[in-house]
Amino acid sequence: MTDLILVVEDSAEDVEAIERAIGRSHPGLRREFLRSGAEVWPRLTAPGAALPGLMLLDLNMPGEGGLAVLRQVRADPAFDRIRIVVFTSSEDQAEADACYAAGADSYIYKPMNFALFQTVLSQTLDYWGNVARIVVPPPGDSAAQT
């Protein structure tokens, strides 16, 4: 995973909590915050823009919501390597199912207690950061292939 995480979150309180939690558990991780779903596509497609290894995506935002962002990003193979974790306050199973169907790598409920919030976020970054570092060579590029 690149050392860049893109956080898409409209709530100022959640942005502050995420910033504090990541700063404590993963201080070396670069963080970039977008406050709406409408900002994601221009950010990802900007010429020369560094792509994040991981995107934490809020689901319920005014305007372009997380599900629409997820579908748009997953429709473009150029962004296949970005791990997308929906990090939301919604416990609705139908919403979780829709996110997985649209290509979410994970769907995680945001705990209200900050200590638990920090633990869940830290474990999410540890897991998905390691998964994003696994590089599978294209066919023909591996010495193991004959």
Protein backbone atom coordinates (compact mmCIF):
# COMPACT_ATOMS: atom_id res chain seq x y z
CA MET A 1 0.00 0.00 0.00
CA THR A 2 1.18 3.45 -0.64
CA ASP A 3 1.53 5.38 2.55
CA LEU A 4 -1.46 7.51 1.50
CA ILE A 5 -4.96 6.96 2.78
CA LEU A 6 -7.86 8.90 1.31
CA VAL A 7 -10.67 9.53 3.79
CA VAL A 8 -14.03 10.62 2.38
CA GLU A 9 -16.14 11.87 5.27
CA ASP A 10 -18.61 14.74 5.54
CA SER A 11 -18.92 14.88 9.34
CA ALA A 12 -16.47 17.28 11.00
CA GLU A 13 -16.62 15.25 14.22
CA ASP A 14 -15.80 12.00 12.41
CA VAL A 15 -12.98 13.68 10.46
CA GLU A 16 -11.46 14.83 13.76
CA ALA A 17 -11.88 11.38 15.33
CA ILE A 18 -10.35 9.62 12.30
CA GLU A 19 -7.45 12.08 12.19
CA ARG A 20 -6.72 11.54 15.90
CA ALA A 21 -7.08 7.77 15.71
CA ILE A 22 -4.81 7.38 12.67
CA GLY A 23 -2.33 9.87 14.09
CA ARG A 24 -2.03 7.75 17.23
CA SER A 25 -1.94 4.30 15.67
CA HIS A 26 -0.24 5.00 12.31
CA PRO A 27 1.57 8.34 12.58
CA GLY A 28 3.66 7.68 9.44
CA LEU A 29 0.60 7.23 7.26
CA ARG A 30 -0.18 10.22 5.06
CA ARG A 31 -3.81 11.23 5.30
CA GLU A 32 -5.89 13.20 2.85
CA PHE A 33 -9.46 14.17 3.66
CA LEU A 34 -12.27 14.91 1.23
CA ARG A 35 -15.51 16.25 2.63
CA SER A 36 -17.90 15.04 -0.08
CA GLY A 37 -18.36 12.24 -2.56
CA ALA A 38 -18.32 14.76 -5.42
CA GLU A 39 -14.64 15.52 -4.66
CA VAL A 40 -13.43 11.93 -5.14
CA TRP A 41 -13.48 11.55 -8.93
CA PRO A 42 -11.72 14.87 -9.67
CA ARG A 43 -9.12 14.02 -7.01
CA LEU A 44 -8.40 10.52 -8.37
CA THR A 45 -8.27 11.62 -12.01
CA ALA A 46 -6.20 14.79 -11.54
CA PRO A 47 -3.05 14.66 -13.70
CA GLY A 48 -0.10 13.39 -11.68
CA ALA A 49 -2.20 12.73 -8.57
CA ALA A 50 -0.78 10.15 -6.17
CA LEU A 51 -3.22 7.31 -5.81
CA PRO A 52 -4.07 6.12 -2.32
CA GLY A 53 -3.55 2.53 -1.33
CA LEU A 54 -6.67 2.69 0.80
CA MET A 55 -9.85 4.74 0.78
CA LEU A 56 -12.05 5.00 3.86
CA LEU A 57 -15.45 5.91 2.48
CA ASP A 58 -18.43 7.20 4.41
CA LEU A 59 -21.67 5.81 3.04
CA ASN A 60 -24.30 8.41 3.85
CA MET A 61 -23.22 11.84 2.66
CA PRO A 62 -25.29 14.67 1.21
CA GLY A 63 -25.18 14.85 -2.57
CA GLU A 64 -23.11 12.07 -4.07
CA GLY A 65 -23.17 9.31 -1.49
CA GLY A 66 -20.61 6.63 -0.81
CA LEU A 67 -22.36 3.93 -2.84
CA ALA A 68 -22.32 6.12 -5.97
CA VAL A 69 -18.63 6.91 -5.39
CA LEU A 70 -17.87 3.22 -4.91
CA ARG A 71 -19.61 2.27 -8.16
CA GLN A 72 -17.83 5.02 -10.10
CA VAL A 73 -14.38 4.12 -8.80
CA ARG A 74 -14.87 0.39 -9.30
CA ALA A 75 -16.07 0.95 -12.89
CA ASP A 76 -12.57 2.17 -13.85
CA PRO A 77 -9.87 -0.53 -13.90
CA ALA A 78 -7.21 2.16 -13.36
CA PHE A 79 -8.28 2.21 -9.72
CA ASP A 80 -8.48 -1.55 -9.08
CA ARG A 81 -5.51 -1.43 -6.68
CA ILE A 82 -7.22 1.01 -4.31
CA ARG A 83 -8.70 -0.90 -1.37
CA ILE A 84 -12.06 0.64 -0.48
CA VAL A 85 -13.38 0.23 3.04
CA VAL A 86 -16.83 1.62 3.71
CA PHE A 87 -16.56 3.08 7.21
CA THR A 88 -20.06 4.05 8.23
CA SER A 89 -22.53 4.47 11.04
CA SER A 90 -25.13 2.44 9.12
CA GLU A 91 -25.83 -1.07 10.36
CA ASP A 92 -28.33 -1.74 7.56
CA GLN A 93 -27.58 -5.17 6.07
CA ALA A 94 -29.12 -4.17 2.73
CA GLU A 95 -26.68 -1.25 2.49
CA ALA A 96 -23.76 -3.52 3.38
CA ASP A 97 -24.86 -6.02 0.71
CA ALA A 98 -25.15 -3.22 -1.87
CA CYS A 99 -21.63 -2.01 -1.03
CA TYR A 100 -20.14 -5.47 -1.39
CA ALA A 101 -22.01 -5.97 -4.68
CA ALA A 102 -20.55 -2.65 -5.91
CA GLY A 103 -17.00 -3.76 -5.08
CA ALA A 104 -16.27 -2.69 -1.52
CA ASP A 105 -13.39 -4.59 0.03
CA SER A 106 -14.92 -4.25 3.49
CA TYR A 107 -17.87 -2.69 5.31
CA ILE A 108 -17.15 -1.56 8.85
CA TYR A 109 -19.47 -0.01 11.38
CA LYS A 110 -18.09 3.08 13.18
CA PRO A 111 -18.26 2.52 16.94
CA MET A 112 -19.43 5.50 19.01
CA ASN A 113 -16.90 4.96 21.83
CA PHE A 114 -13.58 6.62 20.83
CA ALA A 115 -11.34 3.91 22.31
CA LEU A 116 -13.21 1.23 20.37
CA PHE A 117 -13.33 3.51 17.30
CA GLN A 118 -9.53 3.86 17.47
CA THR A 119 -9.03 0.11 17.87
CA VAL A 120 -11.33 -0.77 14.97
CA LEU A 121 -9.71 1.81 12.72
CA SER A 122 -6.19 0.68 13.65
CA GLN A 123 -7.04 -2.97 12.93
CA THR A 124 -8.63 -1.96 9.64
CA LEU A 125 -5.50 -0.09 8.56
CA ASP A 126 -3.25 -2.97 9.65
CA TYR A 127 -5.26 -5.55 7.75
CA TRP A 128 -6.05 -3.65 4.56
CA GLY A 129 -2.62 -2.03 4.47
CA ASN A 130 -1.01 -5.46 4.41
CA VAL A 131 -3.46 -6.78 1.81
CA ALA A 132 -2.75 -3.78 -0.42
CA ARG A 133 1.01 -4.51 -0.27
CA ILE A 134 0.60 -7.94 -1.84
CA VAL A 135 1.70 -7.61 -5.44
CA VAL A 136 0.58 -10.28 -7.84
CA PRO A 137 2.68 -10.17 -11.01
CA PRO A 138 0.85 -10.25 -14.31
CA PRO A 139 0.89 -13.58 -16.19
CA GLY A 140 4.29 -14.18 -17.76
CA ASP A 141 6.21 -11.98 -15.30
CA SER A 142 6.73 -14.64 -12.64
CA ALA A 143 9.74 -16.95 -12.59
CA ALA A 144 7.46 -19.58 -11.05
CA GLN A 145 5.39 -19.79 -14.23
CA THR A 146 6.55 -22.17 -16.93
